[in-house]
Protein backbone atom coordinates (compact mmCIF):
# COMPACT_ATOMS: atom_id res chain seq x y z
CA MET A 1 -158.90 14.74 -33.26
CA SER A 2 -157.08 14.51 -36.59
CA PHE A 3 -154.33 12.05 -37.36
CA THR A 4 -152.31 10.62 -40.23
CA ILE A 5 -152.14 7.15 -41.77
CA SER A 6 -149.31 6.11 -44.08
CA ILE A 7 -150.17 3.96 -47.10
CA ASP A 8 -148.08 1.60 -49.22
CA THR A 9 -149.72 2.33 -52.58
CA MET A 10 -147.71 -0.35 -54.44
CA GLY A 11 -148.77 -3.37 -52.38
CA GLY A 12 -151.48 -5.73 -53.63
CA ASP A 13 -152.52 -7.52 -56.80
CA ARG A 14 -154.18 -4.48 -58.34
CA ALA A 15 -152.10 -1.66 -56.93
CA PRO A 16 -152.07 1.27 -57.11
CA GLU A 17 -155.53 1.65 -58.70
CA VAL A 18 -157.46 -0.29 -56.03
CA ILE A 19 -155.49 1.36 -53.23
CA ILE A 20 -156.39 4.86 -54.43
CA GLN A 21 -160.03 3.88 -54.92
CA GLY A 22 -160.11 2.53 -51.37
CA LEU A 23 -158.61 5.78 -50.09
CA VAL A 24 -161.37 7.76 -51.77
CA ILE A 25 -163.94 5.74 -49.81
CA ALA A 26 -161.97 6.21 -46.58
CA ALA A 27 -161.55 9.95 -47.16
CA GLN A 28 -165.30 10.35 -47.38
CA ARG A 29 -165.81 8.34 -44.18
CA TYR A 30 -163.09 10.09 -42.17
CA PRO A 31 -162.71 13.79 -42.94
CA PHE A 32 -160.37 14.11 -39.95
CA VAL A 33 -157.77 11.67 -41.37
CA ASN A 34 -154.85 12.64 -43.60
CA PHE A 35 -152.74 10.24 -45.65
CA LEU A 36 -149.06 9.89 -46.48
CA LEU A 37 -148.82 7.92 -49.72
CA TYR A 38 -145.63 6.10 -50.73
CA GLY A 39 -145.08 4.70 -54.21
CA ASP A 40 -143.95 5.13 -57.80
CA GLU A 41 -144.92 8.63 -58.94
CA ASP A 42 -145.26 7.61 -62.59
CA ARG A 43 -147.97 5.11 -61.65
CA VAL A 44 -149.61 6.80 -58.68
CA LYS A 45 -149.74 10.53 -59.47
CA PRO A 46 -151.93 10.33 -62.61
CA ILE A 47 -154.54 8.38 -60.62
CA LEU A 48 -154.17 10.35 -57.41
CA PHE A 49 -154.57 13.82 -58.90
CA SER A 50 -157.75 12.82 -60.70
CA GLU A 51 -159.45 12.20 -57.35
CA LYS A 52 -160.79 15.43 -55.88
CA ALA A 53 -161.54 13.79 -52.54
CA LEU A 54 -157.82 13.21 -51.93
CA ARG A 55 -156.30 16.48 -53.18
CA ASP A 56 -156.29 18.21 -49.80
CA LYS A 57 -155.92 15.08 -47.68
CA ALA A 58 -153.04 13.14 -49.26
CA THR A 59 -149.33 13.89 -49.43
CA PHE A 60 -147.40 11.79 -51.94
CA ILE A 61 -143.76 10.69 -51.49
CA HIS A 62 -141.97 9.01 -54.38
CA CYS A 63 -140.14 5.72 -53.72
CA LYS A 64 -137.87 4.13 -56.27
CA ASP A 65 -138.06 0.58 -54.88
CA ILE A 66 -141.03 -1.81 -54.90
CA ILE A 67 -141.45 -5.00 -52.87
CA THR A 68 -143.16 -7.56 -55.08
CA PRO A 69 -145.01 -10.75 -54.06
CA GLU A 70 -141.84 -12.68 -54.97
CA THR A 71 -139.52 -10.59 -52.76
CA LYS A 72 -138.10 -12.63 -49.90
CA PRO A 73 -138.32 -11.12 -46.40
CA SER A 74 -134.52 -11.18 -46.13
CA ALA A 75 -134.23 -9.15 -49.34
CA ALA A 76 -136.82 -6.67 -48.09
CA LEU A 77 -134.80 -6.22 -44.89
CA ARG A 78 -131.28 -6.01 -46.32
CA GLY A 79 -132.01 -4.29 -49.61
CA LEU A 80 -134.67 -2.07 -51.16
CA PRO A 81 -134.16 0.79 -48.64
CA ASP A 82 -136.48 3.10 -50.55
CA SER A 83 -139.38 0.68 -50.98
CA SER A 84 -142.89 2.06 -50.53
CA MET A 85 -143.59 -0.54 -47.84
CA ARG A 86 -140.50 0.25 -45.78
CA GLN A 87 -141.02 4.00 -46.00
CA ALA A 88 -144.69 3.73 -45.03
CA ILE A 89 -143.78 1.71 -41.92
CA LEU A 90 -140.86 4.03 -41.15
CA ALA A 91 -143.27 6.98 -41.09
CA VAL A 92 -144.97 5.38 -38.08
CA ALA A 93 -141.67 4.46 -36.41
CA GLU A 94 -140.47 8.08 -36.73
CA GLY A 95 -143.74 9.58 -35.52
CA ARG A 96 -144.82 11.14 -38.82
CA ALA A 97 -147.87 8.85 -39.05
CA ASP A 98 -150.13 7.24 -36.46
CA GLY A 99 -150.68 4.00 -38.37
CA VAL A 100 -149.77 2.15 -41.58
CA VAL A 101 -151.76 0.04 -44.04
CA SER A 102 -150.30 -2.19 -46.77
CA ALA A 103 -151.71 -4.90 -49.02
CA GLY A 104 -148.22 -6.04 -50.01
CA ASN A 105 -146.06 -9.11 -49.44
CA THR A 106 -147.06 -10.54 -46.02
CA GLY A 107 -143.65 -12.00 -45.14
CA ALA A 108 -141.83 -8.79 -46.02
CA TYR A 109 -144.39 -6.69 -44.16
CA MET A 110 -144.07 -8.90 -41.09
CA ALA A 111 -140.30 -8.69 -41.10
CA LEU A 112 -140.11 -4.94 -41.70
CA ALA A 113 -142.79 -4.11 -39.14
CA LYS A 114 -141.06 -6.14 -36.42
CA ILE A 115 -137.67 -4.58 -37.15
CA LEU A 116 -138.78 -0.96 -37.65
CA LEU A 117 -141.61 -0.72 -35.10
CA LYS A 118 -140.23 -3.28 -32.66
CA THR A 119 -142.18 -5.34 -30.16
CA MET A 120 -143.58 -3.68 -27.03
CA PRO A 121 -141.70 -4.29 -23.77
CA GLY A 122 -143.18 -7.25 -21.92
CA ILE A 123 -144.49 -8.92 -25.10
CA ASP A 124 -142.39 -11.78 -26.46
CA ARG A 125 -143.96 -11.92 -29.93
CA PRO A 126 -146.52 -9.76 -31.73
CA ALA A 127 -149.61 -11.58 -32.99
CA LEU A 128 -151.51 -11.31 -36.26
CA ALA A 129 -155.23 -10.98 -35.57
CA SER A 130 -158.37 -10.55 -37.62
CA LEU A 131 -162.13 -10.39 -37.27
CA ALA A 132 -164.59 -13.07 -38.36
CA PRO A 133 -168.39 -13.25 -38.39
CA SER A 134 -170.37 -15.37 -35.96
CA LEU A 135 -174.00 -15.88 -34.98
CA LYS A 136 -173.55 -13.33 -32.19
CA GLY A 137 -171.34 -10.71 -33.85
CA GLU A 138 -167.67 -10.29 -34.66
CA VAL A 139 -165.03 -12.61 -33.21
CA VAL A 140 -161.33 -11.79 -32.76
CA LEU A 141 -159.00 -14.54 -34.04
CA LEU A 142 -155.29 -14.70 -33.17
CA ASP A 143 -152.64 -15.77 -34.06
CA LEU A 144 -153.21 -16.19 -37.80
CA GLY A 145 -149.79 -17.15 -39.07
CA ALA A 146 -147.17 -14.84 -37.61
CA ASN A 147 -146.07 -17.47 -35.07
CA ILE A 148 -146.25 -21.02 -36.42
CA GLU A 149 -144.88 -22.53 -33.22
CA CYS A 150 -145.88 -20.99 -29.89
CA SER A 151 -145.04 -21.51 -26.25
CA SER A 152 -147.64 -21.52 -23.50
CA GLU A 153 -146.45 -18.04 -22.51
CA ASN A 154 -147.02 -16.81 -26.09
CA LEU A 155 -150.59 -18.12 -26.02
CA LYS A 156 -151.23 -16.42 -22.68
CA GLN A 157 -149.98 -13.12 -24.06
CA PHE A 158 -152.15 -13.54 -27.18
CA ALA A 159 -155.14 -14.08 -24.88
CA ILE A 160 -154.44 -10.86 -23.00
CA MET A 161 -153.91 -8.87 -26.20
CA GLY A 162 -157.05 -10.29 -27.78
CA GLU A 163 -159.18 -9.56 -24.70
CA MET A 164 -157.94 -5.98 -24.60
CA PHE A 165 -158.57 -5.51 -28.32
CA ALA A 166 -162.15 -6.76 -27.92
CA ARG A 167 -162.68 -4.49 -24.93
CA TYR A 168 -161.14 -1.26 -26.20
CA VAL A 169 -161.53 -1.47 -30.00
CA LEU A 170 -164.76 -3.47 -30.32
CA HIS A 171 -166.16 -1.91 -27.12
CA LEU A 172 -167.28 -5.21 -25.61
CA PRO A 173 -167.65 -4.64 -21.85
CA LYS A 174 -166.92 -8.23 -20.79
CA PRO A 175 -165.40 -10.21 -23.68
CA LYS A 176 -164.95 -13.95 -23.28
CA VAL A 177 -161.70 -15.63 -24.33
CA GLY A 178 -161.47 -19.21 -25.58
CA LEU A 179 -158.39 -21.38 -26.16
CA MET A 180 -158.61 -23.60 -29.26
CA ASN A 181 -158.34 -27.29 -28.46
CA VAL A 182 -159.40 -30.71 -29.78
CA GLY A 183 -162.17 -30.86 -27.20
CA SER A 184 -163.72 -28.84 -24.39
CA GLU A 185 -162.89 -31.35 -21.64
CA ASP A 186 -160.00 -30.55 -19.30
CA ILE A 187 -158.32 -33.89 -19.97
CA LYS A 188 -157.98 -33.21 -23.71
CA GLY A 189 -155.20 -31.37 -25.47
CA SER A 190 -151.43 -31.26 -25.51
CA THR A 191 -149.26 -30.41 -22.54
CA LEU A 192 -148.58 -27.00 -24.10
CA ILE A 193 -152.30 -26.19 -24.36
CA LYS A 194 -152.92 -27.29 -20.77
CA GLU A 195 -150.02 -25.15 -19.56
CA ALA A 196 -151.35 -22.16 -21.52
CA ALA A 197 -154.78 -22.60 -19.95
CA GLU A 198 -153.25 -22.57 -16.45
CA LEU A 199 -151.27 -19.42 -17.25
CA ILE A 200 -154.40 -17.65 -18.54
CA ARG A 201 -156.36 -18.71 -15.45
CA SER A 202 -153.73 -17.03 -13.26
CA SER A 203 -153.39 -13.89 -15.44
CA SER A 204 -155.06 -10.48 -15.32
CA ILE A 205 -157.87 -11.76 -17.59
CA ARG A 206 -158.72 -14.85 -15.51
CA ASP A 207 -162.36 -13.74 -15.19
CA ALA A 208 -162.66 -13.44 -18.99
CA PHE A 209 -161.33 -16.93 -19.70
CA TYR A 210 -164.10 -19.25 -20.93
CA GLY A 211 -161.83 -22.28 -21.27
CA TYR A 212 -161.28 -24.68 -24.16
CA ILE A 213 -163.28 -24.34 -27.36
CA GLU A 214 -163.49 -26.30 -30.62
CA GLY A 215 -163.58 -25.15 -34.24
CA ASP A 216 -167.36 -24.96 -34.51
CA ASP A 217 -167.48 -22.58 -31.53
CA ILE A 218 -166.03 -19.81 -33.70
CA MET A 219 -169.10 -19.37 -35.91
CA ARG A 220 -171.45 -20.05 -33.00
CA GLY A 221 -170.05 -17.03 -31.19
CA THR A 222 -169.35 -19.05 -28.05
CA VAL A 223 -166.56 -16.60 -27.20
CA ASP A 224 -165.45 -13.16 -28.40
CA VAL A 225 -161.74 -13.98 -28.69
CA VAL A 226 -160.25 -17.21 -30.07
CA VAL A 227 -156.61 -17.96 -29.18
CA MET A 228 -154.46 -20.45 -31.11
CA ASP A 229 -151.01 -20.94 -32.57
CA GLY A 230 -150.26 -19.40 -35.97
CA PHE A 231 -150.39 -22.69 -37.90
CA THR A 232 -153.87 -23.52 -36.64
CA GLY A 233 -155.03 -19.94 -37.02
CA ASN A 234 -153.93 -19.67 -40.64
CA VAL A 235 -155.76 -22.89 -41.53
CA VAL A 236 -158.90 -21.62 -39.77
CA LEU A 237 -158.70 -18.27 -41.58
CA LYS A 238 -158.27 -19.74 -45.07
CA ALA A 239 -160.90 -22.41 -44.49
CA GLY A 240 -163.35 -19.78 -43.26
CA GLU A 241 -162.82 -17.61 -46.33
CA GLY A 242 -163.36 -20.65 -48.53
CA VAL A 243 -166.58 -21.62 -46.76
CA MET A 244 -168.03 -18.12 -47.19
CA GLN A 245 -167.17 -18.11 -50.89
CA LEU A 246 -168.61 -21.61 -51.32
CA ALA A 247 -171.86 -20.61 -49.58
CA LEU A 248 -172.36 -17.59 -51.83
CA TYR A 249 -171.47 -19.54 -54.99
CA SER A 250 -173.78 -22.43 -54.06
CA MET A 251 -176.71 -20.06 -53.54
CA GLN A 252 -176.13 -18.44 -56.91
CA GLU A 253 -176.02 -21.81 -58.64
CA ALA A 254 -179.14 -23.05 -56.83
CA PHE A 255 -181.18 -20.07 -57.96
CA LYS A 256 -180.13 -20.67 -61.57
CA SER A 257 -181.24 -24.32 -61.55
CA SER A 258 -184.80 -23.75 -62.77
CA ALA A 259 -187.37 -21.11 -63.67
CA LEU A 260 -189.13 -21.68 -60.35
CA ALA A 261 -185.84 -21.25 -58.49
CA THR A 262 -185.20 -17.99 -60.34
CA LEU A 263 -188.65 -16.75 -59.31
CA GLY A 264 -187.83 -17.69 -55.74
CA TYR A 265 -184.66 -15.63 -56.01
CA TRP A 266 -186.56 -12.47 -56.92
CA ILE A 267 -188.95 -13.01 -54.02
CA ALA A 268 -186.12 -13.64 -51.55
CA ARG A 269 -183.73 -11.03 -53.00
CA PRO A 270 -183.86 -8.53 -50.08
CA MET A 271 -183.05 -11.28 -47.58
CA LEU A 272 -180.32 -12.70 -49.80
CA ASN A 273 -178.67 -9.30 -50.16
CA LYS A 274 -178.47 -9.05 -46.37
CA LEU A 275 -176.96 -12.52 -46.20
CA ARG A 276 -174.48 -11.70 -48.95
CA MET A 277 -173.36 -8.61 -47.08
CA ARG A 278 -172.91 -10.55 -43.86
CA LEU A 279 -170.82 -13.25 -45.54
CA ASP A 280 -168.82 -10.80 -47.67
CA TYR A 281 -165.23 -11.51 -46.63
CA ARG A 282 -164.23 -7.99 -47.72
CA ARG A 283 -165.96 -6.72 -44.58
CA TYR A 284 -163.42 -8.64 -42.53
CA ASN A 285 -160.38 -7.64 -44.59
CA GLY A 286 -157.39 -6.55 -42.59
CA GLY A 287 -154.85 -8.44 -40.53
CA ILE A 288 -154.06 -6.58 -37.32
CA TRP A 289 -150.55 -6.60 -35.86
CA ILE A 290 -150.97 -6.56 -32.08
CA GLY A 291 -147.99 -6.03 -29.81
CA LEU A 292 -145.91 -3.69 -31.97
CA ASN A 293 -144.97 -0.11 -31.11
CA GLY A 294 -147.33 1.25 -33.71
CA VAL A 295 -150.59 0.52 -35.49
CA ALA A 296 -149.98 -1.72 -38.52
CA ILE A 297 -152.72 -3.27 -40.68
CA LYS A 298 -152.17 -5.90 -43.40
CA SER A 299 -154.81 -5.85 -46.13
CA HIS A 300 -155.45 -8.93 -48.26
CA GLY A 301 -153.44 -8.61 -51.48
CA GLY A 302 -156.37 -9.57 -53.67
CA THR A 303 -158.91 -7.21 -52.14
CA ASP A 304 -160.87 -4.54 -53.99
CA ALA A 305 -161.42 -0.88 -53.03
CA TYR A 306 -164.22 -1.72 -50.59
CA GLY A 307 -162.02 -4.25 -48.80
CA PHE A 308 -159.03 -1.90 -48.63
CA ALA A 309 -161.24 0.82 -47.18
CA HIS A 310 -162.21 -1.62 -44.45
CA ALA A 311 -158.54 -2.17 -43.61
CA ILE A 312 -158.30 1.58 -43.11
CA ASP A 313 -161.41 1.35 -40.89
CA LEU A 314 -159.44 -0.96 -38.60
CA ALA A 315 -156.48 1.42 -38.46
CA VAL A 316 -158.80 4.31 -37.57
CA ASP A 317 -160.52 2.27 -34.85
CA MET A 318 -157.20 1.18 -33.32
CA ILE A 319 -155.83 4.71 -33.29
CA ASN A 320 -159.03 6.19 -31.86
CA SER A 321 -159.20 3.55 -29.12
CA GLN A 322 -155.55 4.13 -28.12
CA ILE A 323 -155.25 0.36 -27.85
CA ASN A 324 -151.45 0.46 -27.90
CA GLU A 325 -151.38 2.74 -24.87
CA HIS A 326 -153.59 0.30 -22.98
CA LEU A 327 -151.40 -2.64 -24.04
CA ARG A 328 -148.23 -0.79 -23.11
CA LYS A 329 -149.59 -0.08 -19.63
CA GLU A 330 -150.72 -3.69 -19.13
CA PHE A 331 -147.47 -5.30 -20.23
CA SER A 332 -145.14 -2.72 -18.67
CA ILE A 333 -146.45 -3.85 -15.27
CA LYS A 334 -145.59 -7.46 -16.15
CA ASP A 335 -142.19 -6.47 -17.55
CA SER A 336 -141.27 -4.43 -14.47
CA HIS A 337 -142.28 -7.31 -12.18
CA GLU A 338 -140.15 -9.81 -14.09
CA LYS A 339 -137.10 -7.51 -13.95
CA VAL A 340 -137.45 -7.17 -10.18
CA VAL A 341 -137.74 -10.95 -9.79
CA HIS A 342 -134.72 -11.48 -12.04
CA ILE A 343 -132.57 -9.11 -10.01
């Protein structure tokens, strides 16, 4: 099955060069995927047409406006109608593309995606999710900053969305869901957290709910899905990226400390390369908007071509899994029930 992904070629610290390089990698991985590219033709076309791998797979559309890192979300919404970011998202909203990827301004992307794609019926707020490494495999983290303050109902919905993502996209048959807390005991935590736990225990994923977890449970792989408010999630995400970078840097410095250490490096090099690959944060690049009427992936603005290609990997996986259809079915049942009760 072939499908189309729209790309904001002007988003990111090193756009459009890195974006095009990432697309070349993705085009080789996915011969069945076509791309709609939005951006400034004077900057994109010279790079694009030099890449043979994209000549028959990419359609370019010129946009006169660009959303910069300094652009406020309100300005992105009210002005800049022909921005590459807006037009790439609009392609999904109008059915011309099956998913969108941008490495641009996060606030603007969040605002435009919510307005143009809209939230699915039955879901109060979409969540921003991502993947992280653990001792047992990949872990789904949500929310990561889209919702700084959350209600207990929001956290319950995040838990359901995260469980379904793990089941349908990551193909985990029985994913376990954990709710972030200051301790694993039932007596610990705020009233909001306790209320959220009770809602999850009475929801459709009650059998998947592990209970409360703490920060160190993430890397241990205690659960497959970690649920938290956006403030906590953003701190966890940034701290995790910093720890991985620190670990790699510390190893490099240690092996430079002496001639014997350098010899040890050459002996251990195959093992270290495997470790470096596992801790490479580019492999986990891509924030996933869950709960919108369309597949939308946010790439890290500072990523390289390898990292951007991974963001496209996520878009492909979400489209192939038809995760939004599964979510729509799950939450339409809830929405219909609430309307009947309200009447």
